[in-house]
Amino acid sequence: MILERFLRRRRAEPVPVLVDDGTLVVVGSCFDPARADSAVVAEMRAAGVAVETGPFVMRHVVTLPDHDAVAEATRILAADGWAVTVVAADERPLRVRIARQQVLTGLEPARERTRMAGLAQRLGGDAEGYEVLARG
């Protein structure tokens, strides 16, 4: 009985699952490669966003040359929980959203932006920027 109470107290509350389904609102963004990601996080805090508690969806906007590049990006990123969505399939280059739920730290946007820029470049595209989404 005492052990059950102890274990019950130690279990962390499950993090609510967020999905980039159009119901979330943008609480931070960066589409300027010269802008510091730490400034984005600081701006979110100044606007009253509880950065430490989250959860957030980080959504990168990337252009890729064709559907083969999108398929390769999907293959590479799926193992880490990223969802890859083509915004407009009839445009060239293809505009793609790459999103996943994550905890936001001061380093997270910089690390992920660098990863997406490298991936886009390797696949012949360009990383335009990112948005941070949360429940409204």
N, C-alpha and C. Protein backbone atom coordinates (compact mmCIF):
# COMPACT_ATOMS: atom_id res chain seq x y z
N MET A 1 0.83 -1.19 0.00
CA MET A 1 0.00 0.00 0.00
C MET A 1 0.87 1.26 0.00
N ILE A 2 1.86 1.29 0.87
CA ILE A 2 2.74 2.45 0.92
C ILE A 2 3.55 2.54 -0.37
N LEU A 3 4.01 1.39 -0.87
CA LEU A 3 4.77 1.37 -2.11
C LEU A 3 3.93 1.87 -3.27
N GLU A 4 2.66 1.50 -3.31
CA GLU A 4 1.77 1.97 -4.39
C GLU A 4 1.63 3.49 -4.35
N ARG A 5 1.49 4.07 -3.17
CA ARG A 5 1.39 5.52 -3.05
C ARG A 5 2.67 6.20 -3.52
N PHE A 6 3.80 5.62 -3.12
CA PHE A 6 5.09 6.17 -3.51
C PHE A 6 5.26 6.13 -5.03
N LEU A 7 4.95 5.01 -5.65
CA LEU A 7 5.08 4.88 -7.10
C LEU A 7 4.12 5.79 -7.84
N ARG A 8 2.92 5.95 -7.30
CA ARG A 8 1.92 6.81 -7.92
C ARG A 8 2.41 8.26 -7.95
N ARG A 9 3.08 8.69 -6.90
CA ARG A 9 3.58 10.06 -6.83
C ARG A 9 4.75 10.29 -7.78
N ARG A 10 5.54 9.25 -8.02
CA ARG A 10 6.74 9.41 -8.84
C ARG A 10 6.46 9.40 -10.34
N ARG A 11 5.34 8.87 -10.74
CA ARG A 11 5.03 8.82 -12.16
C ARG A 11 4.79 10.22 -12.68
N ALA A 12 5.46 10.53 -13.76
CA ALA A 12 5.27 11.83 -14.38
C ALA A 12 3.94 11.83 -15.13
N GLU A 13 3.32 12.99 -15.14
CA GLU A 13 2.09 13.13 -15.90
C GLU A 13 2.42 12.97 -17.38
N PRO A 14 1.59 12.26 -18.11
CA PRO A 14 1.87 12.13 -19.54
C PRO A 14 1.73 13.48 -20.25
N VAL A 15 2.62 13.70 -21.20
CA VAL A 15 2.60 14.94 -21.97
C VAL A 15 1.46 14.84 -22.98
N PRO A 16 0.59 15.85 -23.04
CA PRO A 16 -0.49 15.79 -24.03
C PRO A 16 0.07 15.72 -25.44
N VAL A 17 -0.55 14.94 -26.28
CA VAL A 17 -0.10 14.79 -27.65
C VAL A 17 -0.68 15.93 -28.49
N LEU A 18 0.20 16.62 -29.19
CA LEU A 18 -0.21 17.68 -30.09
C LEU A 18 0.02 17.20 -31.52
N VAL A 19 -0.89 17.56 -32.40
CA VAL A 19 -0.79 17.19 -33.80
C VAL A 19 -0.94 18.44 -34.65
N ASP A 20 -0.10 18.57 -35.66
CA ASP A 20 -0.15 19.72 -36.57
C ASP A 20 -1.32 19.54 -37.52
N ASP A 21 -2.54 19.74 -36.99
CA ASP A 21 -3.76 19.48 -37.76
C ASP A 21 -4.57 20.74 -38.05
N GLY A 22 -3.97 21.90 -37.83
CA GLY A 22 -4.67 23.15 -38.09
C GLY A 22 -5.32 23.76 -36.86
N THR A 23 -5.32 23.06 -35.73
CA THR A 23 -5.95 23.58 -34.53
C THR A 23 -4.96 24.32 -33.62
N LEU A 24 -3.68 24.22 -33.91
CA LEU A 24 -2.66 24.86 -33.09
C LEU A 24 -2.38 26.27 -33.61
N VAL A 25 -1.85 27.12 -32.74
CA VAL A 25 -1.53 28.49 -33.13
C VAL A 25 -0.01 28.68 -33.10
N VAL A 26 0.47 29.56 -33.95
CA VAL A 26 1.89 29.87 -34.00
C VAL A 26 2.23 30.79 -32.82
N VAL A 27 3.17 30.37 -31.98
CA VAL A 27 3.58 31.18 -30.83
C VAL A 27 5.00 31.71 -30.99
N GLY A 28 5.67 31.29 -32.03
CA GLY A 28 7.02 31.77 -32.32
C GLY A 28 7.41 31.32 -33.72
N SER A 29 8.31 32.07 -34.35
CA SER A 29 8.75 31.67 -35.68
C SER A 29 10.04 32.38 -36.03
N CYS A 30 10.72 31.82 -37.04
CA CYS A 30 11.93 32.44 -37.54
C CYS A 30 12.12 32.04 -39.00
N PHE A 31 12.10 33.03 -39.88
CA PHE A 31 12.35 32.82 -41.29
C PHE A 31 13.52 33.67 -41.77
N ASP A 32 14.28 34.21 -40.82
CA ASP A 32 15.46 35.02 -41.12
C ASP A 32 16.69 34.24 -40.67
N PRO A 33 17.53 33.80 -41.61
CA PRO A 33 18.69 32.99 -41.23
C PRO A 33 19.68 33.72 -40.33
N ALA A 34 19.65 35.04 -40.30
CA ALA A 34 20.57 35.80 -39.45
C ALA A 34 20.05 35.97 -38.03
N ARG A 35 18.80 35.65 -37.79
CA ARG A 35 18.21 35.84 -36.47
C ARG A 35 18.57 34.69 -35.53
N ALA A 36 18.94 35.02 -34.32
CA ALA A 36 19.32 34.00 -33.34
C ALA A 36 18.09 33.26 -32.84
N ASP A 37 18.20 31.95 -32.75
CA ASP A 37 17.09 31.13 -32.26
C ASP A 37 16.81 31.42 -30.79
N SER A 38 17.82 31.77 -30.04
CA SER A 38 17.61 32.12 -28.64
C SER A 38 16.75 33.37 -28.52
N ALA A 39 16.83 34.26 -29.50
CA ALA A 39 15.97 35.46 -29.50
C ALA A 39 14.51 35.09 -29.71
N VAL A 40 14.26 34.05 -30.52
CA VAL A 40 12.89 33.58 -30.74
C VAL A 40 12.32 33.05 -29.42
N VAL A 41 13.11 32.24 -28.72
CA VAL A 41 12.66 31.68 -27.44
C VAL A 41 12.45 32.80 -26.42
N ALA A 42 13.35 33.76 -26.38
CA ALA A 42 13.20 34.90 -25.45
C ALA A 42 11.95 35.71 -25.77
N GLU A 43 11.69 35.90 -27.06
CA GLU A 43 10.49 36.63 -27.47
C GLU A 43 9.22 35.88 -27.06
N MET A 44 9.25 34.57 -27.17
CA MET A 44 8.10 33.78 -26.75
C MET A 44 7.87 33.94 -25.25
N ARG A 45 8.94 33.87 -24.47
CA ARG A 45 8.82 34.06 -23.01
C ARG A 45 8.24 35.44 -22.70
N ALA A 46 8.75 36.47 -23.38
CA ALA A 46 8.28 37.84 -23.14
C ALA A 46 6.81 38.00 -23.49
N ALA A 47 6.33 37.17 -24.42
CA ALA A 47 4.92 37.22 -24.82
C ALA A 47 4.04 36.39 -23.88
N GLY A 48 4.65 35.77 -22.86
CA GLY A 48 3.87 35.01 -21.89
C GLY A 48 3.74 33.53 -22.20
N VAL A 49 4.48 33.04 -23.18
CA VAL A 49 4.44 31.61 -23.51
C VAL A 49 5.28 30.86 -22.48
N ALA A 50 4.70 29.85 -21.86
CA ALA A 50 5.40 29.05 -20.85
C ALA A 50 6.31 28.05 -21.56
N VAL A 51 7.48 28.51 -21.97
CA VAL A 51 8.40 27.70 -22.77
C VAL A 51 8.84 26.45 -22.02
N GLU A 52 9.02 26.55 -20.73
CA GLU A 52 9.51 25.42 -19.94
C GLU A 52 8.51 24.28 -19.83
N THR A 53 7.22 24.58 -19.91
CA THR A 53 6.21 23.55 -19.67
C THR A 53 5.71 22.89 -20.94
N GLY A 54 5.69 23.63 -22.07
CA GLY A 54 5.28 23.04 -23.36
C GLY A 54 3.95 22.33 -23.27
N PRO A 55 3.66 21.39 -24.07
CA PRO A 55 4.43 20.91 -25.21
C PRO A 55 4.24 21.80 -26.43
N PHE A 56 5.12 21.63 -27.40
CA PHE A 56 5.07 22.41 -28.62
C PHE A 56 5.25 21.50 -29.82
N VAL A 57 4.80 21.98 -30.97
CA VAL A 57 5.10 21.34 -32.24
C VAL A 57 6.04 22.29 -32.96
N MET A 58 7.17 21.77 -33.38
CA MET A 58 8.10 22.55 -34.17
C MET A 58 7.87 22.17 -35.62
N ARG A 59 7.56 23.17 -36.45
CA ARG A 59 7.24 22.91 -37.86
C ARG A 59 8.19 23.70 -38.75
N HIS A 60 8.98 22.97 -39.50
CA HIS A 60 9.93 23.57 -40.44
C HIS A 60 9.29 23.67 -41.81
N VAL A 61 9.60 24.73 -42.52
CA VAL A 61 9.13 24.91 -43.89
C VAL A 61 10.36 24.78 -44.79
N VAL A 62 10.29 23.81 -45.69
CA VAL A 62 11.42 23.46 -46.54
C VAL A 62 10.91 23.35 -47.97
N THR A 63 11.75 23.71 -48.94
CA THR A 63 11.42 23.44 -50.33
C THR A 63 12.32 22.30 -50.80
N LEU A 64 11.73 21.38 -51.56
CA LEU A 64 12.46 20.25 -52.13
C LEU A 64 12.13 20.16 -53.61
N PRO A 65 13.07 19.67 -54.41
CA PRO A 65 12.88 19.73 -55.86
C PRO A 65 11.80 18.82 -56.43
N ASP A 66 11.56 17.67 -55.82
CA ASP A 66 10.61 16.73 -56.39
C ASP A 66 10.12 15.72 -55.34
N HIS A 67 9.23 14.86 -55.77
CA HIS A 67 8.65 13.88 -54.84
C HIS A 67 9.66 12.83 -54.38
N ASP A 68 10.66 12.54 -55.20
CA ASP A 68 11.71 11.62 -54.76
C ASP A 68 12.47 12.19 -53.57
N ALA A 69 12.75 13.49 -53.59
CA ALA A 69 13.42 14.15 -52.47
C ALA A 69 12.54 14.13 -51.22
N VAL A 70 11.23 14.33 -51.42
CA VAL A 70 10.29 14.27 -50.29
C VAL A 70 10.28 12.87 -49.69
N ALA A 71 10.27 11.85 -50.54
CA ALA A 71 10.27 10.47 -50.05
C ALA A 71 11.55 10.17 -49.27
N GLU A 72 12.68 10.67 -49.75
CA GLU A 72 13.95 10.46 -49.05
C GLU A 72 13.96 11.20 -47.71
N ALA A 73 13.45 12.43 -47.69
CA ALA A 73 13.35 13.18 -46.43
C ALA A 73 12.46 12.44 -45.44
N THR A 74 11.36 11.91 -45.92
CA THR A 74 10.44 11.16 -45.06
C THR A 74 11.14 9.94 -44.49
N ARG A 75 11.87 9.24 -45.33
CA ARG A 75 12.59 8.04 -44.87
C ARG A 75 13.62 8.39 -43.79
N ILE A 76 14.35 9.46 -44.01
CA ILE A 76 15.39 9.87 -43.06
C ILE A 76 14.80 10.33 -41.73
N LEU A 77 13.72 11.10 -41.78
CA LEU A 77 13.18 11.75 -40.58
C LEU A 77 12.17 10.91 -39.81
N ALA A 78 11.58 9.91 -40.43
CA ALA A 78 10.52 9.13 -39.79
C ALA A 78 10.99 8.46 -38.50
N ALA A 79 12.22 8.01 -38.48
CA ALA A 79 12.73 7.31 -37.29
C ALA A 79 12.75 8.21 -36.06
N ASP A 80 12.84 9.51 -36.26
CA ASP A 80 12.86 10.46 -35.15
C ASP A 80 11.51 11.10 -34.88
N GLY A 81 10.45 10.58 -35.52
CA GLY A 81 9.10 11.07 -35.23
C GLY A 81 8.66 12.27 -36.01
N TRP A 82 9.38 12.66 -37.05
CA TRP A 82 8.99 13.81 -37.85
C TRP A 82 7.93 13.40 -38.87
N ALA A 83 6.93 14.24 -39.06
CA ALA A 83 5.91 14.05 -40.09
C ALA A 83 6.23 15.00 -41.23
N VAL A 84 6.26 14.48 -42.44
CA VAL A 84 6.58 15.27 -43.62
C VAL A 84 5.33 15.40 -44.47
N THR A 85 4.93 16.64 -44.77
CA THR A 85 3.71 16.91 -45.53
C THR A 85 4.00 17.87 -46.66
N VAL A 86 3.59 17.52 -47.87
CA VAL A 86 3.72 18.42 -49.01
C VAL A 86 2.54 19.39 -48.96
N VAL A 87 2.83 20.69 -49.00
CA VAL A 87 1.79 21.71 -48.91
C VAL A 87 1.05 21.85 -50.23
N ALA A 88 1.78 21.97 -51.34
CA ALA A 88 1.16 22.11 -52.65
C ALA A 88 1.90 21.21 -53.63
N ALA A 89 1.28 20.11 -54.01
CA ALA A 89 1.93 19.09 -54.84
C ALA A 89 2.13 19.52 -56.28
N ASP A 90 1.44 20.57 -56.72
CA ASP A 90 1.54 20.97 -58.13
C ASP A 90 2.55 22.09 -58.36
N GLU A 91 3.22 22.56 -57.32
CA GLU A 91 4.22 23.61 -57.46
C GLU A 91 5.62 23.00 -57.53
N ARG A 92 6.54 23.71 -58.17
CA ARG A 92 7.94 23.32 -58.18
C ARG A 92 8.77 24.52 -57.80
N PRO A 93 9.69 24.48 -56.88
CA PRO A 93 9.93 23.31 -56.04
C PRO A 93 8.76 23.05 -55.10
N LEU A 94 8.73 21.86 -54.55
CA LEU A 94 7.66 21.49 -53.63
C LEU A 94 7.88 22.16 -52.28
N ARG A 95 6.84 22.76 -51.75
CA ARG A 95 6.89 23.34 -50.40
C ARG A 95 6.45 22.26 -49.43
N VAL A 96 7.27 22.01 -48.41
CA VAL A 96 7.07 20.89 -47.50
C VAL A 96 7.09 21.38 -46.06
N ARG A 97 6.21 20.82 -45.25
CA ARG A 97 6.22 21.07 -43.81
C ARG A 97 6.73 19.82 -43.11
N ILE A 98 7.67 20.02 -42.21
CA ILE A 98 8.25 18.92 -41.44
C ILE A 98 8.01 19.24 -39.98
N ALA A 99 7.22 18.41 -39.29
CA ALA A 99 6.79 18.76 -37.93
C ALA A 99 6.87 17.59 -36.98
N ARG A 100 7.09 17.92 -35.71
CA ARG A 100 6.98 16.94 -34.63
C ARG A 100 6.83 17.68 -33.31
N GLN A 101 6.28 16.96 -32.36
CA GLN A 101 6.13 17.50 -31.01
C GLN A 101 7.45 17.36 -30.29
N GLN A 102 7.81 18.38 -29.52
CA GLN A 102 9.03 18.30 -28.74
C GLN A 102 9.04 19.33 -27.63
N VAL A 103 9.95 19.11 -26.71
CA VAL A 103 10.19 20.07 -25.65
C VAL A 103 11.07 21.16 -26.25
N LEU A 104 10.79 22.38 -25.89
CA LEU A 104 11.54 23.49 -26.46
C LEU A 104 12.55 24.00 -25.44
N THR A 105 13.81 23.95 -25.81
CA THR A 105 14.87 24.52 -24.98
C THR A 105 15.54 25.63 -25.78
N GLY A 106 16.45 26.31 -25.17
CA GLY A 106 17.15 27.37 -25.89
C GLY A 106 17.97 26.85 -27.06
N LEU A 107 18.42 25.60 -26.98
CA LEU A 107 19.25 25.02 -28.04
C LEU A 107 18.45 24.27 -29.10
N GLU A 108 17.26 23.83 -28.75
CA GLU A 108 16.49 22.98 -29.66
C GLU A 108 16.20 23.61 -31.02
N PRO A 109 15.72 24.85 -31.09
CA PRO A 109 15.47 25.43 -32.41
C PRO A 109 16.74 25.52 -33.26
N ALA A 110 17.87 25.88 -32.66
CA ALA A 110 19.12 25.99 -33.41
C ALA A 110 19.56 24.63 -33.94
N ARG A 111 19.49 23.63 -33.10
CA ARG A 111 19.90 22.28 -33.52
C ARG A 111 19.01 21.77 -34.65
N GLU A 112 17.70 21.94 -34.51
CA GLU A 112 16.78 21.43 -35.52
C GLU A 112 16.86 22.25 -36.81
N ARG A 113 17.05 23.55 -36.69
CA ARG A 113 17.17 24.37 -37.90
C ARG A 113 18.42 23.96 -38.69
N THR A 114 19.51 23.71 -37.99
CA THR A 114 20.73 23.26 -38.65
C THR A 114 20.52 21.91 -39.33
N ARG A 115 19.83 21.02 -38.64
CA ARG A 115 19.55 19.70 -39.22
C ARG A 115 18.72 19.82 -40.48
N MET A 116 17.67 20.64 -40.45
CA MET A 116 16.79 20.78 -41.61
C MET A 116 17.51 21.47 -42.77
N ALA A 117 18.38 22.44 -42.46
CA ALA A 117 19.14 23.10 -43.52
C ALA A 117 20.08 22.11 -44.20
N GLY A 118 20.74 21.28 -43.41
CA GLY A 118 21.62 20.27 -43.98
C GLY A 118 20.87 19.25 -44.82
N LEU A 119 19.73 18.81 -44.32
CA LEU A 119 18.92 17.83 -45.06
C LEU A 119 18.43 18.43 -46.37
N ALA A 120 17.89 19.65 -46.31
CA ALA A 120 17.38 20.30 -47.52
C ALA A 120 18.49 20.48 -48.55
N GLN A 121 19.65 20.91 -48.10
CA GLN A 121 20.76 21.12 -49.02
C GLN A 121 21.18 19.80 -49.66
N ARG A 122 21.27 18.75 -48.87
CA ARG A 122 21.66 17.43 -49.38
C ARG A 122 20.68 16.92 -50.43
N LEU A 123 19.40 17.29 -50.28
CA LEU A 123 18.37 16.81 -51.20
C LEU A 123 18.06 17.82 -52.32
N GLY A 124 18.86 18.89 -52.42
CA GLY A 124 18.68 19.85 -53.49
C GLY A 124 17.64 20.91 -53.23
N GLY A 125 17.32 21.15 -51.95
CA GLY A 125 16.30 22.14 -51.61
C GLY A 125 16.83 23.23 -50.73
N ASP A 126 15.91 23.85 -49.98
CA ASP A 126 16.26 24.97 -49.13
C ASP A 126 15.36 24.96 -47.89
N ALA A 127 15.95 25.25 -46.74
CA ALA A 127 15.18 25.40 -45.50
C ALA A 127 14.82 26.87 -45.35
N GLU A 128 13.53 27.17 -45.38
CA GLU A 128 13.07 28.56 -45.32
C GLU A 128 13.01 29.09 -43.90
N GLY A 129 12.59 28.25 -42.95
CA GLY A 129 12.46 28.69 -41.57
C GLY A 129 11.59 27.74 -40.80
N TYR A 130 11.16 28.18 -39.61
CA TYR A 130 10.34 27.31 -38.77
C TYR A 130 9.31 28.11 -37.99
N GLU A 131 8.32 27.38 -37.51
CA GLU A 131 7.30 27.93 -36.62
C GLU A 131 7.20 27.02 -35.40
N VAL A 132 6.88 27.63 -34.28
CA VAL A 132 6.61 26.88 -33.05
C VAL A 132 5.12 27.02 -32.79
N LEU A 133 4.43 25.88 -32.65
CA LEU A 133 2.98 25.89 -32.47
C LEU A 133 2.61 25.32 -31.11
N ALA A 134 1.50 25.81 -30.58
CA ALA A 134 0.97 25.33 -29.29
C ALA A 134 -0.55 25.44 -29.32
N ARG A 135 -1.18 24.88 -28.31
CA ARG A 135 -2.64 25.04 -28.20
C ARG A 135 -2.95 26.51 -27.98
N GLY A 136 -4.04 26.95 -28.57
CA GLY A 136 -4.44 28.36 -28.48
C GLY A 136 -5.04 28.74 -27.17
